[in-house]
């Protein structure tokens, strides 16, 4: 509740300048990282064995992921079906309207980076990295992600997300 109060104050009173843009970039990179890690933990740690895939235990774990990112109700609006791992992963990775999804976060990161380009008059390598990640998320399908391996996708995303943070720090002298 206190966090919501602080965020409300932040969004309703803070001047829209580069400080705000950097705060947005940091918040959405961190949010994307958290979502990817929550999904990866589910994939690797929560399910005791492969024999539990598709069971009530498996479904409950996927539902708990939605609750942990406060997406349970909105998921039901989008997918008016029973909880399905592929739909939940799609929602949290590729849905551009879900504020905790990787794609949504990268849309916001790109918007803020584009504002910095206007303010500073130059783009850096971090802009290309973010654009590539947004394109990758926009062009992906959940079927392809599952086929190639959800864990592999998520660990690759986490590495690239971390690299983007380092590139931004270097480009804007935060080191």
Protein backbone atom coordinates (compact mmCIF):
# COMPACT_ATOMS: atom_id res chain seq x y z
CA UNK A 1 0.00 0.00 0.00
CA UNK A 2 2.81 2.40 0.87
CA UNK A 3 4.56 1.55 -2.38
CA UNK A 4 1.42 2.42 -4.33
CA UNK A 5 1.26 5.76 -2.53
CA UNK A 6 4.88 6.55 -3.38
CA UNK A 7 4.44 5.49 -7.00
CA UNK A 8 1.28 7.55 -7.30
CA UNK A 9 3.10 10.59 -5.98
CA UNK A 10 6.05 9.91 -8.29
CA UNK A 11 3.92 9.66 -11.42
CA UNK A 12 1.63 12.56 -10.61
CA UNK A 13 4.21 15.11 -9.49
CA UNK A 14 7.61 14.39 -11.02
CA UNK A 15 8.80 16.58 -13.85
CA UNK A 16 9.10 14.65 -17.11
CA UNK A 17 12.81 15.11 -17.71
CA UNK A 18 15.83 12.85 -18.09
CA UNK A 19 15.74 11.96 -14.38
CA UNK A 20 12.22 10.63 -14.85
CA UNK A 21 13.30 8.81 -18.03
CA UNK A 22 16.21 7.10 -16.25
CA UNK A 23 13.92 6.14 -13.35
CA UNK A 24 11.49 4.63 -15.85
CA UNK A 25 14.24 2.74 -17.66
CA UNK A 26 15.57 1.33 -14.40
CA UNK A 27 12.13 0.37 -13.15
CA UNK A 28 11.18 -1.46 -16.33
CA UNK A 29 14.52 -3.24 -16.72
CA UNK A 30 14.18 -4.42 -13.12
CA UNK A 31 10.55 -5.41 -13.62
CA UNK A 32 11.42 -7.43 -16.73
CA UNK A 33 14.26 -9.11 -14.83
CA UNK A 34 11.95 -9.99 -11.94
CA UNK A 35 9.28 -11.43 -14.23
CA UNK A 36 11.82 -13.53 -16.14
CA UNK A 37 13.36 -14.84 -12.92
CA UNK A 38 9.97 -15.69 -11.41
CA UNK A 39 9.08 -17.68 -14.53
CA UNK A 40 12.46 -19.41 -14.57
CA UNK A 41 12.22 -20.36 -10.89
CA UNK A 42 8.83 -21.91 -11.59
CA UNK A 43 10.27 -23.83 -14.47
CA UNK A 44 13.22 -25.22 -12.51
CA UNK A 45 12.47 -25.29 -8.82
CA UNK A 46 8.78 -25.45 -8.06
CA UNK A 47 7.91 -28.60 -9.95
CA UNK A 48 9.29 -31.63 -8.09
CA UNK A 49 9.48 -33.84 -11.19
CA UNK A 50 8.46 -34.05 -14.82
CA UNK A 51 5.71 -36.48 -13.83
CA UNK A 52 3.87 -33.56 -12.18
CA UNK A 53 3.56 -31.56 -15.43
CA UNK A 54 -0.11 -30.91 -16.15
CA UNK A 55 -1.28 -31.98 -12.69
CA UNK A 56 -3.16 -29.88 -10.18
CA UNK A 57 0.17 -29.16 -8.44
CA UNK A 58 1.61 -27.83 -11.70
CA UNK A 59 -1.48 -25.68 -12.36
CA UNK A 60 -1.38 -24.29 -8.81
CA UNK A 61 2.25 -23.27 -9.26
CA UNK A 62 1.49 -21.46 -12.51
CA UNK A 63 -1.46 -19.72 -10.87
CA UNK A 64 0.80 -18.67 -7.99
CA UNK A 65 3.10 -16.99 -10.51
CA UNK A 66 0.18 -14.89 -11.74
CA UNK A 67 -0.71 -13.95 -8.18
CA UNK A 68 2.91 -13.06 -7.37
CA UNK A 69 2.92 -10.43 -10.12
CA UNK A 70 -0.68 -9.37 -9.42
CA UNK A 71 -1.86 -10.61 -12.80
CA UNK A 72 -4.42 -13.20 -11.80
CA UNK A 73 -7.54 -11.15 -12.60
CA UNK A 74 -6.22 -9.58 -15.77
CA UNK A 75 -5.12 -13.00 -17.04
CA UNK A 76 -8.71 -14.21 -16.69
CA UNK A 77 -9.93 -11.22 -18.74
CA UNK A 78 -7.55 -12.04 -21.58
CA UNK A 79 -7.70 -15.85 -21.41
CA UNK A 80 -11.20 -16.83 -20.45
CA UNK A 81 -10.01 -20.40 -19.96
CA UNK A 82 -8.49 -22.57 -17.32
CA UNK A 83 -4.92 -21.81 -16.30
CA UNK A 84 -2.58 -23.19 -18.94
CA UNK A 85 1.20 -22.91 -18.70
CA UNK A 86 1.60 -21.81 -22.32
CA UNK A 87 -1.02 -19.06 -21.93
CA UNK A 88 0.48 -17.86 -18.65
CA UNK A 89 3.97 -17.74 -20.17
CA UNK A 90 2.59 -15.94 -23.23
CA UNK A 91 0.86 -13.41 -21.00
CA UNK A 92 3.96 -12.70 -18.91
CA UNK A 93 6.44 -12.73 -21.78
CA UNK A 94 4.79 -11.52 -24.98
CA UNK A 95 1.59 -9.65 -24.12
CA UNK A 96 2.22 -6.00 -24.95
CA UNK A 97 -0.65 -4.77 -22.76
CA UNK A 98 0.33 -6.58 -19.56
CA UNK A 99 2.47 -4.15 -17.48
CA UNK A 100 4.58 -6.96 -16.01
CA UNK A 101 5.30 -8.71 -19.30
CA UNK A 102 8.75 -8.63 -20.83
CA UNK A 103 7.41 -7.13 -24.05
CA UNK A 104 5.53 -4.34 -22.27
CA UNK A 105 8.58 -3.50 -20.17
CA UNK A 106 10.78 -3.26 -23.24
CA UNK A 107 8.25 -1.06 -25.01
CA UNK A 108 8.51 1.34 -22.08
CA UNK A 109 12.33 1.09 -21.97
CA UNK A 110 12.46 1.99 -25.68
CA UNK A 111 10.07 4.92 -25.21
CA UNK A 112 12.26 6.36 -22.47
CA UNK A 113 15.48 5.73 -24.40
CA UNK A 114 13.97 7.51 -27.42
CA UNK A 115 13.22 10.53 -25.23
CA UNK A 116 16.86 10.53 -24.10
CA UNK A 117 17.99 10.49 -27.75
CA UNK A 118 15.91 13.63 -28.34
CA UNK A 119 17.33 15.30 -25.24
CA UNK A 120 20.97 14.30 -25.77
CA UNK A 121 20.98 14.34 -29.57
CA UNK A 122 22.68 10.95 -29.88
CA UNK A 123 21.90 7.27 -29.69
CA UNK A 124 24.27 4.75 -28.14
CA UNK A 125 24.83 1.00 -28.41
CA UNK A 126 22.29 0.52 -25.60
CA UNK A 127 19.57 1.88 -27.88
CA UNK A 128 20.35 -0.80 -30.47
CA UNK A 129 20.40 -3.51 -27.80
CA UNK A 130 17.01 -2.43 -26.44
CA UNK A 131 15.55 -2.19 -29.95
CA UNK A 132 16.82 -5.69 -30.78
CA UNK A 133 15.28 -7.08 -27.61
CA UNK A 134 11.95 -5.39 -28.28
CA UNK A 135 11.96 -6.72 -31.85
CA UNK A 136 12.80 -10.20 -30.60
CA UNK A 137 9.90 -10.07 -28.13
CA UNK A 138 7.52 -8.63 -30.73
CA UNK A 139 8.41 -11.25 -33.34
CA UNK A 140 8.44 -14.28 -31.02
CA UNK A 141 5.62 -16.70 -30.47
CA UNK A 142 5.11 -18.66 -27.30
CA UNK A 143 5.05 -21.88 -29.31
CA UNK A 144 8.54 -21.15 -30.66
CA UNK A 145 9.78 -20.22 -27.19
CA UNK A 146 8.50 -23.49 -25.72
CA UNK A 147 9.88 -25.48 -28.67
CA UNK A 148 13.36 -23.99 -28.21
CA UNK A 149 13.15 -24.21 -24.42
CA UNK A 150 11.54 -21.82 -21.96
CA UNK A 151 14.51 -22.02 -19.58
CA UNK A 152 16.96 -21.26 -22.39
CA UNK A 153 14.85 -18.32 -23.53
CA UNK A 154 14.56 -16.89 -20.02
CA UNK A 155 18.24 -17.27 -19.11
CA UNK A 156 19.21 -15.68 -22.42
CA UNK A 157 16.79 -12.84 -21.77
CA UNK A 158 18.15 -12.30 -18.25
CA UNK A 159 21.72 -12.11 -19.60
CA UNK A 160 20.79 -9.63 -22.35
CA UNK A 161 18.68 -7.59 -19.93
CA UNK A 162 21.66 -7.32 -17.56
CA UNK A 163 23.94 -6.38 -20.46
CA UNK A 164 21.51 -3.61 -21.44
CA UNK A 165 21.71 -2.16 -17.93
CA UNK A 166 25.51 -2.15 -18.14
CA UNK A 167 25.42 -0.54 -21.59
CA UNK A 168 23.11 2.22 -20.34
CA UNK A 169 25.40 2.83 -17.36
CA UNK A 170 28.39 3.12 -19.67
CA UNK A 171 26.66 5.27 -22.29
CA UNK A 172 25.36 7.76 -19.73
CA UNK A 173 28.39 7.68 -17.41
CA UNK A 174 26.84 5.93 -14.41
CA UNK A 175 29.97 3.87 -13.77
